[in-house]
């Protein structure tokens, strides 16, 4: 997964795709993961357990800079 000012690019063994920031309906941060909603019933899940604390902070920064207030639900570490 690569994140930049244009959006998020994912590369797997047999697929490669890019979603612009405007393509995300909503991004929610839960205590254990980030939920990136692409459509009403389609999401990308990013488990925080796979990330360092610096990477989590970097993701929050990208989301707050590149998404609208309606798209980014912000930190929810209850």
Protein backbone atom coordinates (compact mmCIF):
# COMPACT_ATOMS: atom_id res chain seq x y z
CA UNK A 1 0.00 0.00 0.00
CA UNK A 2 1.32 3.42 -0.94
CA UNK A 3 -0.25 6.64 0.31
CA UNK A 4 0.40 10.06 -1.17
CA UNK A 5 -1.34 13.35 -1.90
CA UNK A 6 -3.39 11.75 -4.70
CA UNK A 7 -4.83 8.85 -2.71
CA UNK A 8 -4.04 5.23 -1.90
CA UNK A 9 -2.49 2.71 -4.26
CA UNK A 10 -2.61 -0.98 -3.41
CA UNK A 11 -0.50 -3.64 -5.03
CA UNK A 12 -0.99 -7.35 -4.49
CA UNK A 13 0.24 -10.42 -6.34
CA UNK A 14 -2.40 -10.29 -9.08
CA UNK A 15 -3.95 -6.83 -8.72
CA UNK A 16 -3.01 -3.18 -8.67
CA UNK A 17 -5.41 -0.32 -7.99
CA UNK A 18 -5.58 3.33 -7.01
CA UNK A 19 -8.35 5.25 -5.25
CA UNK A 20 -8.26 9.04 -5.17
CA UNK A 21 -9.06 10.67 -1.83
CA UNK A 22 -12.38 11.85 -3.26
CA UNK A 23 -13.28 8.20 -3.91
CA UNK A 24 -13.56 7.42 -0.21
CA UNK A 25 -17.04 7.88 1.18
CA UNK A 26 -15.84 7.75 4.77
CA UNK A 27 -12.82 6.79 6.84
CA UNK A 28 -13.36 5.71 10.44
CA UNK A 29 -10.69 5.06 13.03
CA UNK A 30 -11.53 2.39 15.58
CA UNK A 31 -9.30 1.27 18.45
CA UNK A 32 -7.95 -1.72 16.48
CA UNK A 33 -8.16 -0.58 12.84
CA UNK A 34 -8.92 2.01 10.20
CA UNK A 35 -12.02 1.38 8.07
CA UNK A 36 -11.85 3.04 4.65
CA UNK A 37 -15.30 2.95 3.05
CA UNK A 38 -15.19 2.89 -0.75
CA UNK A 39 -18.89 2.13 -1.19
CA UNK A 40 -21.82 1.38 1.09
CA UNK A 41 -20.77 -2.27 1.38
CA UNK A 42 -17.13 -2.20 0.33
CA UNK A 43 -14.23 -1.23 2.57
CA UNK A 44 -10.49 -1.47 2.96
CA UNK A 45 -9.46 -2.52 6.47
CA UNK A 46 -6.11 -1.44 7.89
CA UNK A 47 -5.32 -3.24 11.17
CA UNK A 48 -3.29 -1.06 13.52
CA UNK A 49 -1.46 -4.18 14.70
CA UNK A 50 0.32 -4.21 11.33
CA UNK A 51 1.50 -0.59 11.80
CA UNK A 52 4.02 1.19 13.99
CA UNK A 53 2.82 4.10 16.11
CA UNK A 54 4.62 6.43 13.68
CA UNK A 55 2.70 4.92 10.75
CA UNK A 56 -0.61 5.33 12.60
CA UNK A 57 0.23 9.00 13.22
CA UNK A 58 1.20 9.43 9.56
CA UNK A 59 -2.11 7.92 8.43
CA UNK A 60 -4.05 10.26 10.71
CA UNK A 61 -2.10 13.16 9.21
CA UNK A 62 -2.88 12.09 5.62
CA UNK A 63 -6.56 11.61 6.45
CA UNK A 64 -6.90 14.99 8.16
CA UNK A 65 -5.10 16.76 5.29
CA UNK A 66 -6.67 15.00 2.32
CA UNK A 67 -10.22 14.19 3.39
CA UNK A 68 -13.13 16.48 4.16
CA UNK A 69 -14.62 16.64 7.66
CA UNK A 70 -17.54 14.54 6.38
CA UNK A 71 -15.17 11.83 5.11
CA UNK A 72 -12.80 11.60 8.11
CA UNK A 73 -14.28 10.54 11.44
CA UNK A 74 -11.01 11.05 13.27
CA UNK A 75 -9.45 9.33 16.19
CA UNK A 76 -11.60 6.98 18.26
CA UNK A 77 -9.26 5.25 20.73
CA UNK A 78 -11.85 4.50 23.41
